PDB file of N, CA and C in Angstrom:
ATOM      1  N   MET A   1      -2.075  93.202  72.200  1.00  0.00           N
ATOM      2  CA  MET A   1      -2.535  92.163  73.200  1.00  0.00           C
ATOM      3  C   MET A   1      -4.062  92.056  72.808  1.00  0.00           C
ATOM      4  N   GLY A   2      -3.979  93.026  72.109  1.00  0.00           N
ATOM      5  CA  GLY A   2      -5.652  92.922  71.766  1.00  0.00           C
ATOM      6  C   GLY A   2      -5.979  93.204  73.862  1.00  0.00           C
ATOM      7  N   ARG A   3      -7.835  93.040  73.782  1.00  0.00           N
ATOM      8  CA  ARG A   3      -7.825  92.724  75.098  1.00  0.00           C
ATOM      9  C   ARG A   3      -7.918  92.213  76.141  1.00  0.00           C
ATOM     10  N   TYR A   4      -7.347  90.899  75.322  1.00  0.00           N
ATOM     11  CA  TYR A   4      -6.656  89.532  76.817  1.00  0.00           C
ATOM     12  C   TYR A   4      -6.930  90.403  77.897  1.00  0.00           C
ATOM     13  N   GLU A   5      -5.949  91.474  77.997  1.00  0.00           N
ATOM     14  CA  GLU A   5      -5.612  92.216  79.044  1.00  0.00           C
ATOM     15  C   GLU A   5      -6.897  91.755  80.798  1.00  0.00           C
ATOM     16  N   PRO A   6      -7.433  93.043  79.447  1.00  0.00           N
ATOM     17  CA  PRO A   6      -9.756  93.764  80.661  1.00  0.00           C
ATOM     18  C   PRO A   6      -9.731  92.020  80.647  1.00  0.00           C
ATOM     19  N   ALA A   7      -9.818  90.984  79.907  1.00  0.00           N
ATOM     20  CA  ALA A   7     -10.291  89.875  79.220  1.00  0.00           C
ATOM     21  C   ALA A   7      -9.686  89.547  80.988  1.00  0.00           C
ATOM     22  N   SER A   8      -8.550  89.048  81.160  1.00  0.00           N
ATOM     23  CA  SER A   8      -8.666  88.121  82.310  1.00  0.00           C
ATOM     24  C   SER A   8      -8.268  88.571  83.649  1.00  0.00           C
ATOM     25  N   GLN A   9      -8.541  89.768  82.932  1.00  0.00           N
ATOM     26  CA  GLN A   9      -8.503  91.074  84.594  1.00  0.00           C
ATOM     27  C   GLN A   9     -10.381  90.037  84.703  1.00  0.00           C
ATOM     28  N   ALA A  10     -10.592  90.487  84.076  1.00  0.00           N
ATOM     29  CA  ALA A  10     -12.789  89.972  84.083  1.00  0.00           C
ATOM     30  C   ALA A  10     -12.312  88.761  84.256  1.00  0.00           C
ATOM     31  N   PHE A  11     -11.066  87.960  84.478  1.00  0.00           N
ATOM     32  CA  PHE A  11     -11.742  86.309  84.538  1.00  0.00           C
ATOM     33  C   PHE A  11     -11.788  86.239  85.991  1.00  0.00           C
ATOM     34  N   GLU A  12     -11.011  86.614  86.742  1.00  0.00           N
ATOM     35  CA  GLU A  12     -10.102  86.529  87.505  1.00  0.00           C
ATOM     36  C   GLU A  12     -11.743  87.004  88.763  1.00  0.00           C
ATOM     37  N   ARG A  13     -11.677  89.216  89.009  1.00  0.00           N
ATOM     38  CA  ARG A  13     -13.352  88.616  89.203  1.00  0.00           C
ATOM     39  C   ARG A  13     -13.791  88.106  89.478  1.00  0.00           C
ATOM     40  N   SER A  14     -14.900  87.001  88.781  1.00  0.00           N
ATOM     41  CA  SER A  14     -15.768  86.201  87.818  1.00  0.00           C
ATOM     42  C   SER A  14     -15.399  85.315  89.187  1.00  0.00           C
ATOM     43  N   ALA A  15     -13.850  84.936  89.119  1.00  0.00           N
ATOM     44  CA  ALA A  15     -13.310  83.566  89.902  1.00  0.00           C
ATOM     45  C   ALA A  15     -14.010  83.645  90.845  1.00  0.00           C
ATOM     46  N   ALA A  16     -13.205  85.441  91.555  1.00  0.00           N
ATOM     47  CA  ALA A  16     -13.485  85.443  92.884  1.00  0.00           C
ATOM     48  C   ALA A  16     -14.865  85.154  93.941  1.00  0.00           C
ATOM     49  N   VAL A  17     -15.313  85.867  92.260  1.00  0.00           N
ATOM     50  CA  VAL A  17     -17.514  86.249  92.743  1.00  0.00           C
ATOM     51  C   VAL A  17     -17.533  84.407  92.438  1.00  0.00           C
ATOM     52  N   ASN A  18     -17.496  83.711  91.357  1.00  0.00           N
ATOM     53  CA  ASN A  18     -18.109  81.812  92.012  1.00  0.00           C
ATOM     54  C   ASN A  18     -16.679  81.368  91.539  1.00  0.00           C
ATOM     55  N   PRO A  19     -16.181  80.953  92.913  1.00  0.00           N
ATOM     56  CA  PRO A  19     -15.008  80.015  92.342  1.00  0.00           C
ATOM     57  C   PRO A  19     -14.958  78.525  91.903  1.00  0.00           C
ATOM     58  N   GLU A  20     -16.502  77.983  90.980  1.00  0.00           N
ATOM     59  CA  GLU A  20     -16.914  76.736  91.230  1.00  0.00           C
ATOM     60  C   GLU A  20     -17.325  77.151  89.583  1.00  0.00           C
ATOM     61  N   ASP A  21     -16.600  77.883  89.176  1.00  0.00           N
ATOM     62  CA  ASP A  21     -17.295  78.029  88.104  1.00  0.00           C
ATOM     63  C   ASP A  21     -16.079  77.417  87.106  1.00  0.00           C
ATOM     64  N   GLY A  22     -16.309  75.665  86.278  1.00  0.00           N
ATOM     65  CA  GLY A  22     -14.515  75.840  86.112  1.00  0.00           C
ATOM     66  C   GLY A  22     -14.769  76.869  84.642  1.00  0.00           C
ATOM     67  N   GLY A  23     -15.854  77.138  84.353  1.00  0.00           N
ATOM     68  CA  GLY A  23     -15.604  77.749  82.297  1.00  0.00           C
ATOM     69  C   GLY A  23     -14.646  78.900  82.974  1.00  0.00           C
ATOM     70  N   VAL A  24     -14.841  79.576  83.937  1.00  0.00           N
ATOM     71  CA  VAL A  24     -14.437  81.001  83.899  1.00  0.00           C
ATOM     72  C   VAL A  24     -13.027  80.916  83.835  1.00  0.00           C
ATOM     73  N   TYR A  25     -13.060  79.452  84.322  1.00  0.00           N
ATOM     74  CA  TYR A  25     -11.590  79.612  85.126  1.00  0.00           C
ATOM     75  C   TYR A  25     -10.788  79.027  83.081  1.00  0.00           C
ATOM     76  N   TYR A  26     -11.818  78.206  82.376  1.00  0.00           N
ATOM     77  CA  TYR A  26     -10.720  77.658  80.957  1.00  0.00           C
ATOM     78  C   TYR A  26     -11.494  79.156  79.684  1.00  0.00           C
ATOM     79  N   ASP A  27     -11.704  79.957  80.378  1.00  0.00           N
ATOM     80  CA  ASP A  27     -11.510  81.041  79.786  1.00  0.00           C
ATOM     81  C   ASP A  27     -10.558  81.854  80.569  1.00  0.00           C
ATOM     82  N   ALA A  28     -10.220  81.863  81.224  1.00  0.00           N
ATOM     83  CA  ALA A  28      -9.129  82.517  82.197  1.00  0.00           C
ATOM     84  C   ALA A  28      -7.731  82.245  81.113  1.00  0.00           C
ATOM     85  N   ALA A  29      -7.692  80.593  81.275  1.00  0.00           N
ATOM     86  CA  ALA A  29      -6.795  80.129  80.726  1.00  0.00           C
ATOM     87  C   ALA A  29      -6.830  80.705  79.397  1.00  0.00           C
ATOM     88  N   LEU A  30      -7.609  80.791  78.360  1.00  0.00           N
ATOM     89  CA  LEU A  30      -7.417  81.256  76.932  1.00  0.00           C
ATOM     90  C   LEU A  30      -6.951  82.798  76.626  1.00  0.00           C
ATOM     91  N   ALA A  31      -6.993  84.052  77.876  1.00  0.00           N
ATOM     92  CA  ALA A  31      -6.649  85.283  77.627  1.00  0.00           C
ATOM     93  C   ALA A  31      -5.390  84.667  77.816  1.00  0.00           C
ATOM     94  N   TYR A  32      -4.364  84.041  79.406  1.00  0.00           N
ATOM     95  CA  TYR A  32      -3.537  83.979  79.287  1.00  0.00           C
ATOM     96  C   TYR A  32      -2.754  83.551  78.509  1.00  0.00           C
ATOM     97  N   LEU A  33      -3.628  82.633  77.904  1.00  0.00           N
ATOM     98  CA  LEU A  33      -1.797  81.914  76.839  1.00  0.00           C
ATOM     99  C   LEU A  33      -1.826  82.984  76.089  1.00  0.00           C
ATOM    100  N   ARG A  34      -2.960  83.998  76.061  1.00  0.00           N
ATOM    101  CA  ARG A  34      -2.323  84.383  74.629  1.00  0.00           C
ATOM    102  C   ARG A  34      -1.719  86.437  74.975  1.00  0.00           C
ATOM    103  N   LEU A  35      -1.835  85.951  76.281  1.00  0.00           N
ATOM    104  CA  LEU A  35      -0.588  87.281  77.191  1.00  0.00           C
ATOM    105  C   LEU A  35       0.670  86.471  77.109  1.00  0.00           C
ATOM    106  N   ASN A  36       0.585  84.644  76.631  1.00  0.00           N
ATOM    107  CA  ASN A  36       1.914  85.111  77.093  1.00  0.00           C
ATOM    108  C   ASN A  36       2.593  84.119  78.636  1.00  0.00           C
ATOM    109  N   ASN A  37       1.238  84.167  78.669  1.00  0.00           N
ATOM    110  CA  ASN A  37       1.570  84.585  80.623  1.00  0.00           C
ATOM    111  C   ASN A  37       1.599  82.732  80.624  1.00  0.00           C
ATOM    112  N   ARG A  38       2.231  81.523  80.265  1.00  0.00           N
ATOM    113  CA  ARG A  38       2.330  79.798  80.257  1.00  0.00           C
ATOM    114  C   ARG A  38       2.038  80.117  81.956  1.00  0.00           C
ATOM    115  N   GLY A  39       1.901  79.951  82.959  1.00  0.00           N
ATOM    116  CA  GLY A  39       2.086  80.006  83.648  1.00  0.00           C
ATOM    117  C   GLY A  39       0.239  79.803  84.478  1.00  0.00           C
ATOM    118  N   ARG A  40       0.234  81.232  84.737  1.00  0.00           N
ATOM    119  CA  ARG A  40      -1.407  81.998  85.245  1.00  0.00           C
ATOM    120  C   ARG A  40      -2.470  80.244  83.618  1.00  0.00           C
ATOM    121  N   ALA A  41      -1.868  80.831  82.664  1.00  0.00           N
ATOM    122  CA  ALA A  41      -2.498  79.580  81.421  1.00  0.00           C
ATOM    123  C   ALA A  41      -2.266  78.112  82.261  1.00  0.00           C
ATOM    124  N   ARG A  42      -1.399  77.971  83.211  1.00  0.00           N
ATOM    125  CA  ARG A  42      -1.408  76.378  83.261  1.00  0.00           C
ATOM    126  C   ARG A  42      -2.191  76.385  85.050  1.00  0.00           C
ATOM    127  N   ALA A  43      -2.268  77.108  85.174  1.00  0.00           N
ATOM    128  CA  ALA A  43      -3.277  77.401  86.360  1.00  0.00           C
ATOM    129  C   ALA A  43      -4.312  77.379  86.140  1.00  0.00           C
ATOM    130  N   CYS A  44      -4.530  78.443  85.913  1.00  0.00           N
ATOM    131  CA  CYS A  44      -6.318  77.981  85.524  1.00  0.00           C
ATOM    132  C   CYS A  44      -6.596  77.151  84.699  1.00  0.00           C
ATOM    133  N   LEU A  45      -6.432  76.098  83.985  1.00  0.00           N
ATOM    134  CA  LEU A  45      -6.264  75.235  83.103  1.00  0.00           C
ATOM    135  C   LEU A  45      -7.134  74.086  84.315  1.00  0.00           C
ATOM    136  N   LYS A  46      -5.530  73.963  84.980  1.00  0.00           N
ATOM    137  CA  LYS A  46      -6.098  73.025  86.372  1.00  0.00           C
ATOM    138  C   LYS A  46      -6.985  72.911  86.636  1.00  0.00           C
ATOM    139  N   ARG A  47      -7.353  74.165  87.170  1.00  0.00           N
ATOM    140  CA  ARG A  47      -8.593  75.055  88.419  1.00  0.00           C
ATOM    141  C   ARG A  47      -9.764  74.360  87.258  1.00  0.00           C
ATOM    142  N   ALA A  48     -10.317  74.536  86.066  1.00  0.00           N
ATOM    143  CA  ALA A  48     -10.949  74.754  85.390  1.00  0.00           C
ATOM    144  C   ALA A  48     -11.229  72.818  84.992  1.00  0.00           C
ATOM    145  N   LEU A  49     -10.369  72.221  85.045  1.00  0.00           N
ATOM    146  CA  LEU A  49     -10.538  70.707  84.109  1.00  0.00           C
ATOM    147  C   LEU A  49     -10.728  69.943  85.644  1.00  0.00           C
ATOM    148  N   ASP A  50      -9.508  70.538  86.708  1.00  0.00           N
ATOM    149  CA  ASP A  50     -10.202  69.790  87.768  1.00  0.00           C
ATOM    150  C   ASP A  50     -12.336  69.775  88.527  1.00  0.00           C
ATOM    151  N   LEU A  51     -13.009  70.961  88.188  1.00  0.00           N
ATOM    152  CA  LEU A  51     -13.929  71.612  88.486  1.00  0.00           C
ATOM    153  C   LEU A  51     -14.838  71.511  87.802  1.00  0.00           C
ATOM    154  N   ARG A  52     -14.304  70.404  85.913  1.00  0.00           N
ATOM    155  CA  ARG A  52     -15.145  70.889  85.442  1.00  0.00           C
ATOM    156  C   ARG A  52     -14.702  69.187  84.086  1.00  0.00           C
ATOM    157  N   PRO A  53     -14.327  68.561  84.667  1.00  0.00           N
ATOM    158  CA  PRO A  53     -13.555  67.403  83.723  1.00  0.00           C
ATOM    159  C   PRO A  53     -13.878  67.182  82.086  1.00  0.00           C
ATOM    160  N   ASP A  54     -15.570  67.827  81.782  1.00  0.00           N
ATOM    161  CA  ASP A  54     -16.174  67.627  80.396  1.00  0.00           C
ATOM    162  C   ASP A  54     -15.894  68.689  79.717  1.00  0.00           C
ATOM    163  N   LEU A  55     -14.261  69.926  80.476  1.00  0.00           N
ATOM    164  CA  LEU A  55     -13.777  70.535  79.451  1.00  0.00           C
ATOM    165  C   LEU A  55     -12.571  70.304  78.452  1.00  0.00           C
ATOM    166  N   LYS A  56     -12.254  68.845  78.885  1.00  0.00           N
ATOM    167  CA  LYS A  56     -11.178  68.424  78.178  1.00  0.00           C
ATOM    168  C   LYS A  56     -11.781  68.401  77.120  1.00  0.00           C
ATOM    169  N   THR A  57     -12.493  67.391  76.384  1.00  0.00           N
ATOM    170  CA  THR A  57     -12.998  67.901  74.886  1.00  0.00           C
ATOM    171  C   THR A  57     -12.542  69.096  74.364  1.00  0.00           C
ATOM    172  N   HIS A  58     -13.014  69.613  75.520  1.00  0.00           N
ATOM    173  CA  HIS A  58     -12.435  71.251  74.495  1.00  0.00           C
ATOM    174  C   HIS A  58     -11.480  71.057  73.660  1.00  0.00           C
ATOM    175  N   LEU A  59     -10.274  70.799  74.370  1.00  0.00           N
ATOM    176  CA  LEU A  59      -8.886  70.874  73.512  1.00  0.00           C
ATOM    177  C   LEU A  59      -8.489  70.409  72.979  1.00  0.00           C
ATOM    178  N   SER A  60      -9.441  69.633  72.400  1.00  0.00           N
ATOM    179  CA  SER A  60      -8.048  68.928  70.729  1.00  0.00           C
ATOM    180  C   SER A  60      -9.141  70.460  69.575  1.00  0.00           C
ATOM    181  N   ALA A  61      -9.631  71.470  70.586  1.00  0.00           N
ATOM    182  CA  ALA A  61     -10.043  72.336  69.639  1.00  0.00           C
ATOM    183  C   ALA A  61      -8.381  73.654  69.107  1.00  0.00           C
ATOM    184  N   ASP A  62      -7.715  74.266  70.343  1.00  0.00           N
ATOM    185  CA  ASP A  62      -7.290  74.311  70.604  1.00  0.00           C
ATOM    186  C   ASP A  62      -5.857  73.735  71.050  1.00  0.00           C
ATOM    187  N   GLN A  63      -4.800  74.029  70.555  1.00  0.00           N
ATOM    188  CA  GLN A  63      -3.301  73.083  70.350  1.00  0.00           C
ATOM    189  C   GLN A  63      -2.303  73.394  71.126  1.00  0.00           C
ATOM    190  N   ALA A  64      -2.468  74.746  71.102  1.00  0.00           N
ATOM    191  CA  ALA A  64      -1.748  75.554  72.338  1.00  0.00           C
ATOM    192  C   ALA A  64      -2.476  75.403  73.852  1.00  0.00           C
ATOM    193  N   LEU A  65      -3.214  75.316  73.992  1.00  0.00           N
ATOM    194  CA  LEU A  65      -4.069  75.140  75.566  1.00  0.00           C
ATOM    195  C   LEU A  65      -3.543  73.945  75.598  1.00  0.00           C
ATOM    196  N   ASN A  66      -4.277  72.986  74.712  1.00  0.00           N
ATOM    197  CA  ASN A  66      -3.711  71.514  75.464  1.00  0.00           C
ATOM    198  C   ASN A  66      -2.413  71.510  75.433  1.00  0.00           C
ATOM    199  N   GLU A  67      -1.421  71.755  74.670  1.00  0.00           N
ATOM    200  CA  GLU A  67       0.170  71.676  74.893  1.00  0.00           C
ATOM    201  C   GLU A  67       0.587  71.230  76.387  1.00  0.00           C
ATOM    202  N   LEU A  68      -0.219  72.520  77.896  1.00  0.00           N
ATOM    203  CA  LEU A  68       0.100  73.625  78.361  1.00  0.00           C
ATOM    204  C   LEU A  68      -0.425  71.403  79.903  1.00  0.00           C
ATOM    205  N   LEU A  69      -0.745  70.966  78.977  1.00  0.00           N
ATOM    206  CA  LEU A  69      -1.208  70.255  80.040  1.00  0.00           C
ATOM    207  C   LEU A  69       0.486  69.332  80.291  1.00  0.00           C
TER     208      LEU A  69
END
């Protein structure tokens, strides 16, 4: 699992401090996906795209993340 667990925790802390930062939620979605927590990854991705619709252009680079939608 590498360092995805600590990373996901760090992203959650960042989101608590900066709840309007879509990039934090996007990065959290990536970490949760690598941890095979698809439900949490989907929730974070939805929040990221609500805050920053422009992030949708990044989905083509990550097929697994794109499939969450």
